[in-house]
C-alpha atoms as a PDB file:
ATOM      1  CA  MET A   1      20.109  -9.320   9.574  1.00  0.00           C
ATOM      2  CA  SER A   2      19.646  -5.962   7.863  1.00  0.00           C
ATOM      3  CA  GLU A   3      17.620  -3.319   9.712  1.00  0.00           C
ATOM      4  CA  ILE A   4      16.101  -2.234   6.397  1.00  0.00           C
ATOM      5  CA  VAL A   5      13.719  -4.979   5.293  1.00  0.00           C
ATOM      6  CA  LEU A   6      12.556  -3.458   2.012  1.00  0.00           C
ATOM      7  CA  ASP A   7      13.845  -0.451   0.115  1.00  0.00           C
ATOM      8  CA  ALA A   8      12.813   0.978  -3.227  1.00  0.00           C
ATOM      9  CA  VAL A   9      15.289   3.080  -5.214  1.00  0.00           C
ATOM     10  CA  GLU A  10      13.801   5.369  -7.904  1.00  0.00           C
ATOM     11  CA  VAL A  11      11.266   2.731  -8.920  1.00  0.00           C
ATOM     12  CA  SER A  12       9.039   3.335 -11.942  1.00  0.00           C
ATOM     13  CA  ARG A  13       6.421   1.171 -13.608  1.00  0.00           C
ATOM     14  CA  ASP A  14       4.995   1.777 -17.084  1.00  0.00           C
ATOM     15  CA  PHE A  15       2.081   0.029 -18.778  1.00  0.00           C
ATOM     16  CA  ASP A  16       1.512  -0.087 -22.516  1.00  0.00           C
ATOM     17  CA  VAL A  17      -2.096   1.067 -23.085  1.00  0.00           C
ATOM     18  CA  SER A  18      -1.816   1.389 -26.858  1.00  0.00           C
ATOM     19  CA  LYS A  19      -4.441   0.129 -29.267  1.00  0.00           C
ATOM     20  CA  PRO A  20      -3.626  -3.099 -31.168  1.00  0.00           C
ATOM     21  CA  TRP A  21      -0.825  -2.734 -33.701  1.00  0.00           C
ATOM     22  CA  LEU A  22      -3.039  -2.875 -36.802  1.00  0.00           C
ATOM     23  CA  GLN A  23      -5.426  -0.220 -35.486  1.00  0.00           C
ATOM     24  CA  ARG A  24      -2.500   2.065 -34.719  1.00  0.00           C
ATOM     25  CA  VAL A  25      -1.073   1.609 -38.219  1.00  0.00           C
ATOM     26  CA  VAL A  26      -4.411   2.357 -39.885  1.00  0.00           C
ATOM     27  CA  SER A  27      -5.132   5.413 -37.748  1.00  0.00           C
ATOM     28  CA  ARG A  28      -1.457   6.451 -37.602  1.00  0.00           C
ATOM     29  CA  GLU A  29      -1.483   6.718 -33.834  1.00  0.00           C
ATOM     30  CA  PRO A  30       1.689   6.414 -31.716  1.00  0.00           C
ATOM     31  CA  LYS A  31       2.128   4.003 -28.836  1.00  0.00           C
ATOM     32  CA  ARG A  32       0.651   5.210 -25.530  1.00  0.00           C
ATOM     33  CA  THR A  33       2.263   4.563 -22.172  1.00  0.00           C
ATOM     34  CA  LEU A  34       0.763   4.980 -18.730  1.00  0.00           C
ATOM     35  CA  ARG A  35       3.309   5.693 -16.000  1.00  0.00           C
ATOM     36  CA  ALA A  36       1.640   4.286 -12.872  1.00  0.00           C
ATOM     37  CA  VAL A  37       4.682   4.759 -10.603  1.00  0.00           C
ATOM     38  CA  ASP A  38       7.187   7.559 -11.192  1.00  0.00           C
ATOM     39  CA  ASN A  39      10.624   7.411  -9.490  1.00  0.00           C
ATOM     40  CA  VAL A  40       9.376   6.306  -6.079  1.00  0.00           C
ATOM     41  CA  SER A  41      11.939   5.762  -3.301  1.00  0.00           C
ATOM     42  CA  PHE A  42      11.402   4.629   0.300  1.00  0.00           C
ATOM     43  CA  ALA A  43      12.789   2.265   2.936  1.00  0.00           C
ATOM     44  CA  ILE A  44      10.985   0.207   5.572  1.00  0.00           C
ATOM     45  CA  SER A  45      12.793  -0.720   8.787  1.00  0.00           C
ATOM     46  CA  ARG A  46      12.224  -4.044  10.514  1.00  0.00           C
ATOM     47  CA  GLY A  47       9.142  -4.185  12.750  1.00  0.00           C
ATOM     48  CA  THR A  48       7.726  -0.870  11.488  1.00  0.00           C
ATOM     49  CA  THR A  49       4.864   0.214   9.218  1.00  0.00           C
ATOM     50  CA  LEU A  50       5.147   2.432   6.177  1.00  0.00           C
ATOM     51  CA  SER A  51       1.757   3.598   4.924  1.00  0.00           C
ATOM     52  CA  LEU A  52       1.118   4.944   1.433  1.00  0.00           C
ATOM     53  CA  VAL A  53      -2.045   7.011   1.029  1.00  0.00           C
ATOM     54  CA  GLY A  54      -3.679   8.898  -1.798  1.00  0.00           C
ATOM     55  CA  GLU A  55      -6.713   9.030  -4.037  1.00  0.00           C
ATOM     56  CA  SER A  56      -7.697   6.154  -6.308  1.00  0.00           C
ATOM     57  CA  GLY A  57      -5.412   5.927  -9.324  1.00  0.00           C
ATOM     58  CA  CYS A  58      -2.334   7.407  -7.656  1.00  0.00           C
ATOM     59  CA  GLY A  59      -0.288   4.187  -7.987  1.00  0.00           C
ATOM     60  CA  LYS A  60      -0.501   2.792  -4.451  1.00  0.00           C
ATOM     61  CA  SER A  61      -1.633  -0.698  -5.423  1.00  0.00           C
ATOM     62  CA  THR A  62       0.973  -0.843  -8.188  1.00  0.00           C
ATOM     63  CA  VAL A  63       3.656  -0.145  -5.568  1.00  0.00           C
ATOM     64  CA  ALA A  64       2.167  -2.952  -3.444  1.00  0.00           C
ATOM     65  CA  ARG A  65       2.489  -5.417  -6.303  1.00  0.00           C
ATOM     66  CA  LEU A  66       5.994  -4.234  -7.096  1.00  0.00           C
ATOM     67  CA  ALA A  67       6.979  -4.765  -3.447  1.00  0.00           C
ATOM     68  CA  VAL A  68       6.142  -8.477  -3.522  1.00  0.00           C
ATOM     69  CA  GLY A  69       7.440  -9.120  -7.035  1.00  0.00           C
ATOM     70  CA  LEU A  70       4.075  -9.485  -8.790  1.00  0.00           C
ATOM     71  CA  TYR A  71       5.191  -6.688 -11.136  1.00  0.00           C
ATOM     72  CA  ALA A  72       8.713  -6.061 -12.351  1.00  0.00           C
ATOM     73  CA  PRO A  73       9.795  -2.398 -12.230  1.00  0.00           C
ATOM     74  CA  SER A  74      10.310  -0.587 -15.546  1.00  0.00           C
ATOM     75  CA  GLY A  75      13.090   1.392 -13.892  1.00  0.00           C
ATOM     76  CA  GLY A  76      14.884   1.477 -10.559  1.00  0.00           C
ATOM     77  CA  GLU A  77      15.226  -1.395  -8.117  1.00  0.00           C
ATOM     78  CA  ILE A  78      13.449  -2.981  -5.155  1.00  0.00           C
ATOM     79  CA  ARG A  79      15.610  -4.814  -2.609  1.00  0.00           C
ATOM     80  CA  PHE A  80      14.621  -7.159   0.214  1.00  0.00           C
ATOM     81  CA  GLU A  81      17.322  -7.053   2.903  1.00  0.00           C
ATOM     82  CA  GLY A  82      19.679  -5.710   0.283  1.00  0.00           C
ATOM     83  CA  GLN A  83      18.930  -8.464  -2.251  1.00  0.00           C
ATOM     84  CA  PRO A  84      17.318  -7.329  -5.545  1.00  0.00           C
ATOM     85  CA  LEU A  85      13.862  -8.783  -6.107  1.00  0.00           C
ATOM     86  CA  SER A  86      14.480  -8.756  -9.855  1.00  0.00           C
ATOM     87  CA  ALA A  87      16.733 -11.820  -9.602  1.00  0.00           C
ATOM     88  CA  ALA A  88      14.783 -15.050 -10.206  1.00  0.00           C
ATOM     89  CA  ARG A  89      16.739 -16.856  -7.506  1.00  0.00           C
ATOM     90  CA  ALA A  90      15.959 -14.110  -5.027  1.00  0.00           C
ATOM     91  CA  GLN A  91      12.213 -14.360  -5.718  1.00  0.00           C
ATOM     92  CA  ALA A  92      12.225 -18.111  -5.149  1.00  0.00           C
ATOM     93  CA  ALA A  93      14.216 -17.815  -1.911  1.00  0.00           C
ATOM     94  CA  LEU A  94      12.277 -14.865  -0.509  1.00  0.00           C
ATOM     95  CA  ARG A  95       8.688 -15.591  -1.489  1.00  0.00           C
ATOM     96  CA  ARG A  96       7.934 -17.441   1.774  1.00  0.00           C
ATOM     97  CA  ARG A  97       9.205 -14.490   3.785  1.00  0.00           C
ATOM     98  CA  MET A  98       6.707 -12.041   2.293  1.00  0.00           C
ATOM     99  CA  ASN A  99       2.971 -12.210   1.775  1.00  0.00           C
ATOM    100  CA  MET A 100      -0.003 -10.025   0.905  1.00  0.00           C
ATOM    101  CA  ILE A 101      -3.415  -9.220   2.385  1.00  0.00           C
ATOM    102  CA  PHE A 102      -5.853  -8.159  -0.318  1.00  0.00           C
ATOM    103  CA  GLN A 103      -8.599  -5.540  -0.341  1.00  0.00           C
ATOM    104  CA  ASP A 104     -11.631  -7.777  -0.864  1.00  0.00           C
ATOM    105  CA  PRO A 105     -11.502 -10.793   1.457  1.00  0.00           C
ATOM    106  CA  TYR A 106     -14.325 -12.620  -0.323  1.00  0.00           C
ATOM    107  CA  ALA A 107     -12.743 -12.283  -3.775  1.00  0.00           C
ATOM    108  CA  SER A 108      -9.353 -13.461  -2.483  1.00  0.00           C
ATOM    109  CA  LEU A 109     -10.707 -16.644  -0.835  1.00  0.00           C
ATOM    110  CA  ASN A 110     -11.635 -19.737  -2.829  1.00  0.00           C
ATOM    111  CA  PRO A 111     -15.413 -20.154  -2.257  1.00  0.00           C
ATOM    112  CA  ARG A 112     -15.216 -23.910  -2.939  1.00  0.00           C
ATOM    113  CA  TRP A 113     -12.619 -24.630  -0.282  1.00  0.00           C
ATOM    114  CA  ARG A 114     -13.163 -25.013   3.414  1.00  0.00           C
ATOM    115  CA  VAL A 115     -11.339 -22.498   5.585  1.00  0.00           C
ATOM    116  CA  ARG A 116      -8.973 -25.193   6.889  1.00  0.00           C
ATOM    117  CA  ASP A 117      -7.756 -25.869   3.339  1.00  0.00           C
ATOM    118  CA  ILE A 118      -7.441 -22.152   2.519  1.00  0.00           C
ATOM    119  CA  VAL A 119      -5.255 -21.492   5.553  1.00  0.00           C
ATOM    120  CA  ALA A 120      -3.256 -24.704   5.097  1.00  0.00           C
ATOM    121  CA  GLU A 121      -2.443 -24.090   1.402  1.00  0.00           C
ATOM    122  CA  PRO A 122       0.784 -22.060   2.010  1.00  0.00           C
ATOM    123  CA  ILE A 123       1.890 -24.583   4.670  1.00  0.00           C
ATOM    124  CA  ARG A 124       1.673 -27.383   2.117  1.00  0.00           C
ATOM    125  CA  ALA A 125       3.046 -25.302  -0.773  1.00  0.00           C
ATOM    126  CA  PHE A 126       6.222 -24.388   1.119  1.00  0.00           C
ATOM    127  CA  GLY A 127       6.544 -27.786   2.823  1.00  0.00           C
ATOM    128  CA  LEU A 128       6.547 -26.286   6.315  1.00  0.00           C
ATOM    129  CA  LEU A 129       4.644 -29.290   7.704  1.00  0.00           C
ATOM    130  CA  THR A 130       3.740 -32.609   6.125  1.00  0.00           C
ATOM    131  CA  ALA A 131       1.852 -34.636   8.746  1.00  0.00           C
ATOM    132  CA  ARG A 132      -1.936 -34.138   8.551  1.00  0.00           C
ATOM    133  CA  ASP A 133      -2.348 -33.850  12.332  1.00  0.00           C
ATOM    134  CA  ALA A 134       0.419 -31.244  12.541  1.00  0.00           C
ATOM    135  CA  ILE A 135      -1.144 -29.180   9.752  1.00  0.00           C
ATOM    136  CA  THR A 136      -4.577 -29.371  11.407  1.00  0.00           C
ATOM    137  CA  ALA A 137      -3.109 -28.231  14.720  1.00  0.00           C
ATOM    138  CA  ARG A 138      -1.235 -25.368  13.042  1.00  0.00           C
ATOM    139  CA  VAL A 139      -4.386 -24.199  11.233  1.00  0.00           C
ATOM    140  CA  GLY A 140      -6.231 -24.205  14.570  1.00  0.00           C
ATOM    141  CA  GLU A 141      -3.462 -22.083  16.131  1.00  0.00           C
ATOM    142  CA  LEU A 142      -3.613 -19.574  13.277  1.00  0.00           C
ATOM    143  CA  LEU A 143      -7.392 -19.240  13.445  1.00  0.00           C
ATOM    144  CA  THR A 144      -7.204 -18.727  17.210  1.00  0.00           C
ATOM    145  CA  GLN A 145      -4.456 -16.146  16.693  1.00  0.00           C
ATOM    146  CA  VAL A 146      -6.762 -13.979  14.539  1.00  0.00           C
ATOM    147  CA  GLY A 147      -9.780 -14.269  16.873  1.00  0.00           C
ATOM    148  CA  LEU A 148     -11.605 -17.240  15.324  1.00  0.00           C
ATOM    149  CA  ALA A 149     -12.193 -20.767  16.629  1.00  0.00           C
ATOM    150  CA  PRO A 150     -10.457 -23.908  15.312  1.00  0.00           C
ATOM    151  CA  ALA A 151     -13.921 -25.321  14.539  1.00  0.00           C
ATOM    152  CA  ASP A 152     -14.407 -22.502  12.005  1.00  0.00           C
ATOM    153  CA  GLY A 153     -11.997 -24.369   9.749  1.00  0.00           C
ATOM    154  CA  GLU A 154     -14.832 -26.694   8.720  1.00  0.00           C
ATOM    155  CA  LYS A 155     -16.902 -23.841   7.265  1.00  0.00           C
ATOM    156  CA  TYR A 156     -16.838 -22.134   3.859  1.00  0.00           C
ATOM    157  CA  PRO A 157     -16.026 -18.423   3.296  1.00  0.00           C
ATOM    158  CA  HIS A 158     -19.661 -17.474   2.529  1.00  0.00           C
ATOM    159  CA  GLU A 159     -20.649 -18.490   6.074  1.00  0.00           C
ATOM    160  CA  PHE A 160     -18.670 -15.610   7.594  1.00  0.00           C
ATOM    161  CA  SER A 161     -19.094 -11.843   7.822  1.00  0.00           C
ATOM    162  CA  GLY A 162     -16.767  -9.450   5.996  1.00  0.00           C
ATOM    163  CA  GLY A 163     -14.627  -8.857   9.068  1.00  0.00           C
ATOM    164  CA  GLN A 164     -14.350 -12.581   9.774  1.00  0.00           C
ATOM    165  CA  ARG A 165     -13.348 -13.259   6.170  1.00  0.00           C
ATOM    166  CA  GLN A 166     -10.565 -10.694   6.470  1.00  0.00           C
ATOM    167  CA  ARG A 167      -9.394 -12.494   9.621  1.00  0.00           C
ATOM    168  CA  ILE A 168      -9.225 -15.684   7.547  1.00  0.00           C
ATOM    169  CA  SER A 169      -7.165 -13.816   4.937  1.00  0.00           C
ATOM    170  CA  ILE A 170      -4.782 -12.659   7.659  1.00  0.00           C
ATOM    171  CA  ALA A 171      -4.490 -16.212   9.010  1.00  0.00           C
ATOM    172  CA  ARG A 172      -3.652 -17.464   5.523  1.00  0.00           C
ATOM    173  CA  ALA A 173      -1.053 -14.710   5.086  1.00  0.00           C
ATOM    174  CA  LEU A 174       0.563 -15.696   8.399  1.00  0.00           C
ATOM    175  CA  SER A 175       0.576 -19.429   7.673  1.00  0.00           C
ATOM    176  CA  SER A 176       3.799 -19.212   5.653  1.00  0.00           C
ATOM    177  CA  GLU A 177       5.487 -17.523   8.657  1.00  0.00           C
ATOM    178  CA  PRO A 178       6.367 -14.320   6.744  1.00  0.00           C
ATOM    179  CA  GLU A 179       8.390 -11.389   8.051  1.00  0.00           C
ATOM    180  CA  PHE A 180       7.003  -8.778   5.650  1.00  0.00           C
ATOM    181  CA  LEU A 181       3.331  -8.184   4.780  1.00  0.00           C
ATOM    182  CA  VAL A 182       1.882  -5.903   2.113  1.00  0.00           C
ATOM    183  CA  CYS A 183      -1.611  -4.839   3.166  1.00  0.00           C
ATOM    184  CA  ASP A 184      -3.480  -3.506   0.114  1.00  0.00           C
ATOM    185  CA  GLU A 185      -6.431  -1.554   1.558  1.00  0.00           C
ATOM    186  CA  PRO A 186      -7.344  -4.428   3.932  1.00  0.00           C
ATOM    187  CA  THR A 187     -10.160  -2.487   5.638  1.00  0.00           C
ATOM    188  CA  SER A 188     -11.743  -0.468   2.820  1.00  0.00           C
ATOM    189  CA  ALA A 189     -14.428  -3.119   2.138  1.00  0.00           C
ATOM    190  CA  LEU A 190     -15.436  -3.309   5.829  1.00  0.00           C
ATOM    191  CA  ASP A 191     -17.782  -1.353   8.102  1.00  0.00           C
ATOM    192  CA  VAL A 192     -16.188   1.366  10.223  1.00  0.00           C
ATOM    193  CA  SER A 193     -16.577  -0.544  13.515  1.00  0.00           C
ATOM    194  CA  VAL A 194     -15.064  -3.674  11.963  1.00  0.00           C
ATOM    195  CA  GLN A 195     -12.186  -1.637  10.491  1.00  0.00           C
ATOM    196  CA  ALA A 196     -11.054  -0.715  14.002  1.00  0.00           C
ATOM    197  CA  GLN A 197     -11.089  -4.373  15.079  1.00  0.00           C
ATOM    198  CA  ILE A 198      -8.969  -5.465  12.100  1.00  0.00           C
ATOM    199  CA  LEU A 199      -6.485  -2.606  12.578  1.00  0.00           C
ATOM    200  CA  ASN A 200      -6.129  -3.431  16.284  1.00  0.00           C
ATOM    201  CA  LEU A 201      -5.593  -7.101  15.386  1.00  0.00           C
ATOM    202  CA  MET A 202      -2.885  -6.173  12.877  1.00  0.00           C
ATOM    203  CA  ARG A 203      -1.094  -3.954  15.403  1.00  0.00           C
ATOM    204  CA  ASP A 204      -1.220  -6.715  18.012  1.00  0.00           C
ATOM    205  CA  LEU A 205       0.161  -9.290  15.540  1.00  0.00           C
ATOM    206  CA  GLN A 206       2.940  -6.903  14.535  1.00  0.00           C
ATOM    207  CA  GLN A 207       4.047  -6.474  18.142  1.00  0.00           C
ATOM    208  CA  ARG A 208       3.870 -10.184  18.952  1.00  0.00           C
ATOM    209  CA  LEU A 209       5.438 -11.537  15.763  1.00  0.00           C
ATOM    210  CA  GLY A 210       7.771  -8.671  14.845  1.00  0.00           C
ATOM    211  CA  LEU A 211       6.119  -8.147  11.452  1.00  0.00           C
ATOM    212  CA  THR A 212       6.994  -5.388   8.989  1.00  0.00           C
ATOM    213  CA  TYR A 213       4.112  -3.789   7.067  1.00  0.00           C
ATOM    214  CA  LEU A 214       3.653  -1.844   3.861  1.00  0.00           C
ATOM    215  CA  PHE A 215       0.128  -0.525   4.379  1.00  0.00           C
ATOM    216  CA  ILE A 216      -1.840   0.844   1.415  1.00  0.00           C
ATOM    217  CA  SER A 217      -4.893   3.056   1.950  1.00  0.00           C
ATOM    218  CA  HIS A 218      -6.826   5.959   0.446  1.00  0.00           C
ATOM    219  CA  ASN A 219      -7.931   7.113   3.907  1.00  0.00           C
ATOM    220  CA  LEU A 220      -5.554   9.066   6.148  1.00  0.00           C
ATOM    221  CA  ALA A 221      -7.812   8.498   9.163  1.00  0.00           C
ATOM    222  CA  VAL A 222      -7.400   4.709   8.845  1.00  0.00           C
ATOM    223  CA  VAL A 223      -3.604   4.784   8.891  1.00  0.00           C
ATOM    224  CA  ARG A 224      -3.109   7.431  11.576  1.00  0.00           C
ATOM    225  CA  HIS A 225      -2.567   4.932  14.399  1.00  0.00           C
ATOM    226  CA  MET A 226      -0.885   2.311  12.201  1.00  0.00           C
ATOM    227  CA  SER A 227       1.966   4.274  10.643  1.00  0.00           C
ATOM    228  CA  ASP A 228       5.518   4.722  11.827  1.00  0.00           C
ATOM    229  CA  ARG A 229       6.235   6.450   8.509  1.00  0.00           C
ATOM    230  CA  LEU A 230       3.758   7.906   6.051  1.00  0.00           C
ATOM    231  CA  GLY A 231       4.038   8.572   2.331  1.00  0.00           C
ATOM    232  CA  VAL A 232       1.457  10.631   0.442  1.00  0.00           C
ATOM    233  CA  MET A 233       1.169   9.714  -3.238  1.00  0.00           C
ATOM    234  CA  TYR A 234      -0.222  11.725  -6.117  1.00  0.00           C
ATOM    235  CA  LEU A 235      -0.267  10.555  -9.744  1.00  0.00           C
ATOM    236  CA  GLY A 236       2.538   8.037  -9.289  1.00  0.00           C
ATOM    237  CA  ARG A 237       4.874  10.162  -7.145  1.00  0.00           C
ATOM    238  CA  ILE A 238       5.425  10.403  -3.400  1.00  0.00           C
ATOM    239  CA  VAL A 239       4.878  14.098  -2.682  1.00  0.00           C
ATOM    240  CA  GLU A 240       5.469  13.926   1.084  1.00  0.00           C
ATOM    241  CA  LEU A 241       7.283  11.280   3.133  1.00  0.00           C
ATOM    242  CA  GLY A 242       8.238  11.256   6.785  1.00  0.00           C
ATOM    243  CA  PRO A 243       7.408  10.049  10.307  1.00  0.00           C
ATOM    244  CA  GLY A 244       3.648   9.594  10.641  1.00  0.00           C
ATOM    245  CA  GLU A 245       3.210  11.958  13.593  1.00  0.00           C
ATOM    246  CA  ASP A 246       5.246  14.695  11.897  1.00  0.00           C
ATOM    247  CA  VAL A 247       3.134  14.518   8.736  1.00  0.00           C
ATOM    248  CA  PHE A 248      -0.143  14.557  10.673  1.00  0.00           C
ATOM    249  CA  ARG A 249       0.938  17.283  13.072  1.00  0.00           C
ATOM    250  CA  THR A 250       2.551  19.573  10.482  1.00  0.00           C
ATOM    251  CA  PRO A 251       1.430  18.706   6.939  1.00  0.00           C
ATOM    252  CA  ARG A 252       3.516  20.648   4.442  1.00  0.00           C
ATOM    253  CA  HIS A 253       2.425  19.683   0.933  1.00  0.00           C
ATOM    254  CA  PRO A 254      -0.860  21.348  -0.180  1.00  0.00           C
ATOM    255  CA  TYR A 255      -2.249  17.959  -1.233  1.00  0.00           C
ATOM    256  CA  THR A 256      -1.566  16.463   2.218  1.00  0.00           C
ATOM    257  CA  ARG A 257      -3.304  19.449   3.823  1.00  0.00           C
ATOM    258  CA  LEU A 258      -6.358  19.002   1.633  1.00  0.00           C
ATOM    259  CA  LEU A 259      -6.543  15.276   2.453  1.00  0.00           C
ATOM    260  CA  LEU A 260      -6.329  16.012   6.178  1.00  0.00           C
ATOM    261  CA  ASP A 261      -9.091  18.610   5.866  1.00  0.00           C
ATOM    262  CA  ALA A 262     -11.361  15.847   4.566  1.00  0.00           C
ATOM    263  CA  ILE A 263     -11.035  13.808   7.800  1.00  0.00           C
ATOM    264  CA  PRO A 264     -14.089  14.250  10.106  1.00  0.00           C
ATOM    265  CA  ASP A 265     -12.973  15.995  13.312  1.00  0.00           C
ATOM    266  CA  LEU A 266     -15.211  17.322  16.103  1.00  0.00           C
ATOM    267  CA  ASP A 267     -12.574  19.910  17.011  1.00  0.00           C
ATOM    268  CA  MET A 268     -13.010  21.443  13.543  1.00  0.00           C
ATOM    269  CA  VAL A 269     -16.784  22.028  13.844  1.00  0.00           C
ATOM    270  CA  GLY A 270     -17.607  25.554  12.721  1.00  0.00           C
ATOM    271  CA  LYS A 271     -14.222  26.087  11.075  1.00  0.00           C
ATOM    272  CA  SER A 272     -13.888  26.520   7.328  1.00  0.00           C
ATOM    273  CA  ARG A 273     -12.351  23.650   5.376  1.00  0.00           C
ATOM    274  CA  THR A 274     -10.962  23.484   1.860  1.00  0.00           C
ATOM    275  CA  PRO A 275     -12.168  20.371   0.023  1.00  0.00           C
ATOM    276  CA  VAL A 276      -9.993  18.617  -2.536  1.00  0.00           C
ATOM    277  CA  GLY A 277     -11.286  20.204  -5.747  1.00  0.00           C
ATOM    278  CA  GLY A 278     -11.069  19.063  -9.338  1.00  0.00           C
ATOM    279  CA  GLU A 279     -10.318  15.620 -10.709  1.00  0.00           C
ATOM    280  CA  VAL A 280      -7.145  13.554 -10.832  1.00  0.00           C
ATOM    281  CA  PRO A 281      -5.526  14.132 -14.259  1.00  0.00           C
ATOM    282  CA  SER A 282      -5.021  11.204 -16.601  1.00  0.00           C
ATOM    283  CA  PRO A 283      -1.684   9.440 -15.991  1.00  0.00           C
ATOM    284  CA  ILE A 284      -1.530   8.795 -19.745  1.00  0.00           C
ATOM    285  CA  ASP A 285      -1.258  12.535 -20.388  1.00  0.00           C
ATOM    286  CA  PRO A 286      -0.190  14.134 -17.085  1.00  0.00           C
ATOM    287  CA  PRO A 287       0.145  17.926 -16.663  1.00  0.00           C
ATOM    288  CA  SER A 288       3.526  19.535 -17.201  1.00  0.00           C
ATOM    289  CA  GLY A 289       5.649  20.577 -14.237  1.00  0.00           C
ATOM    290  CA  CYS A 290       4.091  19.655 -10.896  1.00  0.00           C
ATOM    291  CA  THR A 291       1.232  17.262 -11.679  1.00  0.00           C
ATOM    292  CA  PHE A 292      -0.807  18.699  -8.768  1.00  0.00           C
ATOM    293  CA  HIS A 293      -0.727  22.279 -10.081  1.00  0.00           C
ATOM    294  CA  PRO A 294      -4.201  22.200 -11.793  1.00  0.00           C
ATOM    295  CA  ARG A 295      -5.791  21.576  -8.369  1.00  0.00           C
ATOM    296  CA  CYS A 296      -3.339  23.454  -6.153  1.00  0.00           C
ATOM    297  CA  PRO A 297      -4.362  26.808  -4.615  1.00  0.00           C
ATOM    298  CA  LEU A 298      -0.674  27.812  -4.342  1.00  0.00           C
ATOM    299  CA  ALA A 299       0.412  27.045  -7.932  1.00  0.00           C
ATOM    300  CA  ASN A 300       2.406  29.624  -9.908  1.00  0.00           C
ATOM    301  CA  ASP A 301       4.212  29.677 -13.255  1.00  0.00           C
ATOM    302  CA  ARG A 302       7.175  27.684 -11.912  1.00  0.00           C
ATOM    303  CA  CYS A 303       4.809  24.932 -10.743  1.00  0.00           C
ATOM    304  CA  ARG A 304       3.322  24.715 -14.240  1.00  0.00           C
ATOM    305  CA  ARG A 305       6.627  24.272 -16.056  1.00  0.00           C
ATOM    306  CA  GLU A 306       9.077  22.612 -13.602  1.00  0.00           C
ATOM    307  CA  LYS A 307       8.722  19.281 -11.805  1.00  0.00           C
ATOM    308  CA  PRO A 308       9.598  19.768  -8.103  1.00  0.00           C
ATOM    309  CA  ALA A 309      12.444  17.809  -6.545  1.00  0.00           C
ATOM    310  CA  HIS A 310      12.261  16.379  -3.029  1.00  0.00           C
ATOM    311  CA  THR A 311      13.645  18.735  -0.388  1.00  0.00           C
ATOM    312  CA  LYS A 312      14.125  17.937   3.285  1.00  0.00           C
ATOM    313  CA  HIS A 313      12.216  19.892   5.935  1.00  0.00           C
ATOM    314  CA  GLY A 314      13.098  18.530   9.352  1.00  0.00           C
ATOM    315  CA  ASN A 315      12.488  14.771   9.114  1.00  0.00           C
ATOM    316  CA  VAL A 316      10.099  15.085   6.172  1.00  0.00           C
ATOM    317  CA  LEU A 317      10.778  14.984   2.416  1.00  0.00           C
ATOM    318  CA  VAL A 318       8.457  17.207   0.360  1.00  0.00           C
ATOM    319  CA  ALA A 319       8.198  17.699  -3.421  1.00  0.00           C
ATOM    320  CA  CYS A 320       6.648  21.147  -3.684  1.00  0.00           C
ATOM    321  CA  HIS A 321       7.880  24.500  -5.011  1.00  0.00           C
ATOM    322  CA  ALA A 322       5.565  26.412  -2.655  1.00  0.00           C
ATOM    323  CA  VAL A 323       7.053  24.655   0.397  1.00  0.00           C
ATOM    324  CA  GLU A 324      10.580  25.180  -0.892  1.00  0.00           C
ATOM    325  CA  GLU A 325       9.927  28.911  -1.444  1.00  0.00           C
ATOM    326  CA  GLY A 326       8.032  29.385   1.847  1.00  0.00           C
ATOM    327  CA  ARG A 327       4.706  30.278   0.209  1.00  0.00           C
ATOM    328  CA  THR A 328       2.506  27.932   2.273  1.00  0.00           C
ATOM    329  CA  ALA A 329       1.911  30.128   5.330  1.00  0.00           C
END
């Protein structure tokens, strides 16, 4: 078995956002393309968690859908244990071994189905069990595993709280016995106290079942204790990637520093902070050079005209001219 479960090699994803053909002909407008993901590369080792963080619209959720084959990449390649996901045969063979936990647990659960049927659906779809008693017993085990009772299988999703519904979503994701889970902001719709419970549950399941996670979030504070590796995304690109503790302890990219400054911290009371200013540029018409330069306090003429390449600093990859030139001190 390969140690690398999932790796992405210079993956891009474009979306055609043009007006209908006739309108474009009449108004003589060209086709318009939105590049949601721009040459993203990463690798996730077995039993570890890679977290991708960034503001809304940076391409995180698109990467999540690319990772499980819901989108096909416009460029580059995604491989699961060395096997390209783009091959139809590979998708059919691998789809049981990967699953996804969605952001809104209520929207992702069928309100007309009882919980027992929701959790049992992947078991039946993949033919893991066929006997009714065996399926019922397995559903009870899964519900117990996520902190619910087997009797909860008789209820409907609307009878549960937000945190309990996310536990049901996790049970459903685990019912196909996957090895790799994509978690697309699984706690953003929950209260802060419930977020901690769900994150602790996911860490416990990872240790017990040997799961591999791709964790998507817009909140660095949420992923701090989840991440073995951390990637910071901005406008479709990963601008900083490395071991989680290294990125948190010594953030190098100006955008990562600004995101960390936004995390509430009692040790920082009375100290000046620099908020993330400005707005995220449109991905349809991104800025030239480094796309972060309109909001960056360290930007110079080179940043405005030249796109930065990734350079290695210790164990961390950073795409920033200021870091490369030593102008961040």
